[in-house]
Protein backbone atom coordinates (compact mmCIF):
# COMPACT_ATOMS: atom_id res chain seq x y z
CA MET A 1 88.41 99.01 91.05
CA LEU A 2 91.75 97.33 90.71
CA ILE A 3 94.53 98.50 93.01
CA GLY A 4 98.23 97.60 92.80
CA LEU A 5 99.88 97.21 96.22
CA ILE A 6 103.66 97.53 96.62
CA SER A 7 106.15 98.11 99.40
CA ASP A 8 109.75 98.14 100.32
CA THR A 9 111.23 98.95 96.85
CA HIS A 10 114.44 100.47 98.28
CA ILE A 11 115.48 102.14 94.99
CA PRO A 12 118.29 102.99 94.34
CA ASP A 13 120.04 101.54 97.37
CA ARG A 14 119.03 97.87 96.62
CA ALA A 15 118.10 98.09 92.88
CA ARG A 16 118.40 100.70 90.15
CA ILE A 17 114.86 100.41 88.76
CA LEU A 18 111.62 98.69 89.27
CA PRO A 19 111.55 95.24 87.76
CA GLN A 20 109.66 94.96 84.52
CA ASN A 21 107.50 92.26 86.03
CA VAL A 22 106.14 94.93 88.47
CA ILE A 23 105.19 97.11 85.61
CA ASP A 24 103.52 94.22 83.84
CA ALA A 25 101.61 93.09 86.95
CA PHE A 26 100.22 96.69 87.36
CA SER A 27 99.39 97.25 83.68
CA ASP A 28 95.56 97.32 84.29
CA VAL A 29 95.35 98.90 87.72
CA ASP A 30 93.38 102.09 88.50
CA LEU A 31 95.50 103.08 91.47
CA ILE A 32 98.80 102.10 93.04
CA LEU A 33 99.39 102.20 96.82
CA HIS A 34 102.99 102.15 98.06
CA ALA A 35 103.41 101.22 101.70
CA GLY A 36 106.80 102.94 102.20
CA ASP A 37 110.46 102.55 101.96
CA LEU A 38 110.75 103.79 98.40
CA THR A 39 114.10 105.47 99.39
CA SER A 40 113.72 107.68 96.27
CA PRO A 41 110.84 109.82 95.06
CA LYS A 42 111.64 108.58 91.55
CA VAL A 43 109.78 105.41 92.37
CA ILE A 44 106.59 107.43 92.57
CA GLU A 45 107.37 109.07 89.18
CA GLU A 46 108.01 105.68 87.57
CA LEU A 47 104.85 104.14 89.03
CA GLU A 48 102.75 107.21 88.00
CA GLU A 49 103.48 106.29 84.37
CA ILE A 50 101.09 103.29 85.03
CA ALA A 51 98.47 104.82 87.34
CA PRO A 52 97.94 107.43 90.06
CA VAL A 53 100.05 106.66 93.09
CA MET A 54 99.54 107.24 96.83
CA ALA A 55 102.53 106.57 99.09
CA VAL A 56 103.41 106.80 102.71
CA GLN A 57 106.79 107.27 104.49
CA GLY A 58 108.72 104.20 105.68
CA ASN A 59 111.57 104.18 108.15
CA MET A 60 114.15 104.28 105.43
CA ASP A 61 112.33 107.14 103.65
CA ARG A 62 112.60 109.13 106.89
CA ALA A 63 116.33 108.29 107.01
CA ASN A 64 116.79 109.62 103.45
CA GLY A 65 114.81 112.84 104.16
CA ILE A 66 111.78 111.85 102.02
CA LEU A 67 108.77 113.73 103.37
CA LEU A 68 105.64 111.73 102.95
CA PRO A 69 102.65 111.27 105.29
CA LYS A 70 102.90 108.41 107.85
CA ALA A 71 99.40 107.26 107.02
CA LYS A 72 96.68 107.74 104.41
CA ILE A 73 93.06 106.72 104.09
CA ILE A 74 91.64 105.97 100.76
CA GLU A 75 87.90 105.48 100.06
CA ALA A 76 87.14 102.85 97.40
CA GLU A 77 83.86 101.34 96.56
CA GLU A 78 82.41 102.29 100.00
CA LEU A 79 85.38 100.75 101.77
CA ARG A 80 88.03 102.52 103.75
CA ILE A 81 91.59 101.50 103.11
CA GLY A 82 94.43 102.56 105.42
CA LEU A 83 97.94 102.81 104.06
CA VAL A 84 100.89 102.76 106.54
CA HIS A 85 104.36 101.43 106.49
CA GLY A 86 103.62 99.14 109.46
CA GLU A 87 106.56 99.94 111.83
CA VAL A 88 105.31 97.71 114.62
CA TYR A 89 107.41 95.50 116.88
CA PRO A 90 107.58 92.61 116.84
CA ARG A 91 107.73 93.12 113.03
CA ALA A 92 104.53 92.39 111.24
CA ASP A 93 102.66 91.64 114.57
CA SER A 94 99.07 91.14 113.54
CA GLN A 95 97.63 92.37 116.79
CA GLN A 96 99.46 95.76 116.61
CA LEU A 97 98.47 96.12 112.94
CA LEU A 98 94.85 95.53 113.94
CA TYR A 99 95.18 98.28 116.54
CA LEU A 100 96.52 100.59 113.78
CA ALA A 101 93.60 99.67 111.62
CA ARG A 102 91.18 100.45 114.31
CA GLU A 103 92.83 103.72 115.06
CA LEU A 104 92.47 104.71 111.44
CA ASP A 105 88.86 103.28 111.37
CA VAL A 106 89.54 101.26 108.15
CA ASP A 107 88.11 98.05 106.64
CA ILE A 108 91.47 97.17 105.03
CA LEU A 109 94.98 98.00 106.25
CA VAL A 110 97.86 97.87 103.69
CA SER A 111 101.32 97.87 105.37
CA GLY A 112 104.89 96.88 104.54
CA HIS A 113 108.12 96.86 106.60
CA SER A 114 108.35 93.07 107.03
CA HIS A 115 109.22 92.40 103.34
CA GLN A 116 106.98 89.30 103.56
CA PRO A 117 103.57 89.09 101.81
CA LYS A 118 100.59 88.42 104.04
CA ILE A 119 96.82 88.24 103.81
CA GLU A 120 95.02 87.99 107.04
CA GLN A 121 91.56 88.77 108.25
CA ILE A 122 91.06 89.51 111.99
CA GLU A 123 87.81 90.69 113.55
CA GLY A 124 86.43 91.83 110.17
CA ILE A 125 89.46 93.83 109.19
CA LEU A 126 91.66 92.69 106.29
CA LEU A 127 95.41 93.06 106.87
CA LEU A 128 97.44 93.14 103.66
CA ASN A 129 101.25 93.24 103.14
CA PRO A 130 102.42 93.03 99.51
CA GLY A 131 105.95 91.94 100.56
CA SER A 132 108.86 93.37 98.52
CA PRO A 133 109.55 93.12 94.81
CA ILE A 134 113.27 93.81 95.43
CA VAL A 135 114.40 92.53 98.83
CA PRO A 136 112.10 90.00 100.30
CA ARG A 137 112.84 88.31 103.58
CA LEU A 138 112.57 84.51 103.28
CA ALA A 139 109.90 84.95 100.68
CA ASP A 140 109.30 85.39 96.91
CA ARG A 141 109.62 88.79 95.37
CA THR A 142 106.01 89.97 95.30
CA VAL A 143 103.40 92.69 94.78
CA MET A 144 99.61 92.43 95.27
CA LEU A 145 96.50 93.10 93.28
CA LEU A 146 93.37 94.26 95.33
CA GLU A 147 90.19 94.18 93.46
CA ILE A 148 87.04 95.76 94.96
CA ASN A 149 83.63 95.48 93.32
CA ASN A 150 80.58 96.55 95.35
CA LYS A 151 82.35 95.97 98.67
CA GLU A 152 83.30 92.53 97.39
CA VAL A 153 87.13 92.10 97.89
CA ASP A 154 89.54 89.78 96.09
CA VAL A 155 93.32 89.84 96.76
CA GLU A 156 96.03 88.18 94.80
CA ILE A 157 99.75 87.88 95.66
CA VAL A 158 101.66 88.25 92.41
CA LYS A 159 105.01 86.57 92.36
CA ILE A 160 107.29 88.74 90.24
CA GLY A 161 110.61 86.97 90.77
CA SER A 162 112.55 84.22 92.41
CA PRO A 163 112.99 84.17 96.22
CA VAL A 164 116.01 86.02 97.50
CA CYS A 165 117.11 87.15 100.98
CA SER A 166 119.97 89.51 101.70
CA ALA A 167 120.14 88.01 105.22
CA LEU A 168 121.24 84.79 103.45
CA ASP A 169 123.95 86.44 101.42
CA PHE A 170 126.74 83.93 102.10
CA ASP A 171 129.15 85.54 99.57
CA LYS A 172 130.14 87.97 102.24
CA TYR A 173 131.34 85.05 104.44
CA LYS A 174 133.89 83.63 101.99
CA ARG A 175 136.18 80.92 103.25
CA ASP A 176 139.90 80.62 102.38
């Protein structure tokens, strides 16, 4: 089973549409998991043209009144995959994400929120963050592909664009 992982799309507040490179990267997937901060339900509609989509609510979805579950559990090839936005502090803290994974009793936890891709295995649990294809933070624009075959797991970070960081937008600090 091939699963596309995506998070923090922030459409339409940060971009009008999904980049074509995302659509191309997901062309062969069986399922797409969105780890929140869609900011518009139209993102789900657009992704569903590629494959079935499961999504959870991020902090910006909540702010925009988008009602999605805070967590989902997906069974794939005898593995349990947890899907959350990952609102832990400090942001992207591995130990707190591990606690979330244990709470959900999952083998793999997919989260977002940090806008930075990450693959980490702790105490037998695989923590994945696909980053952001629109507004990464000090990282490339990315999504992920998760392939599961008979409990064998392979994960690939797919770079879909050049690095960009709104925190480094120096245009707003123009000098005379």
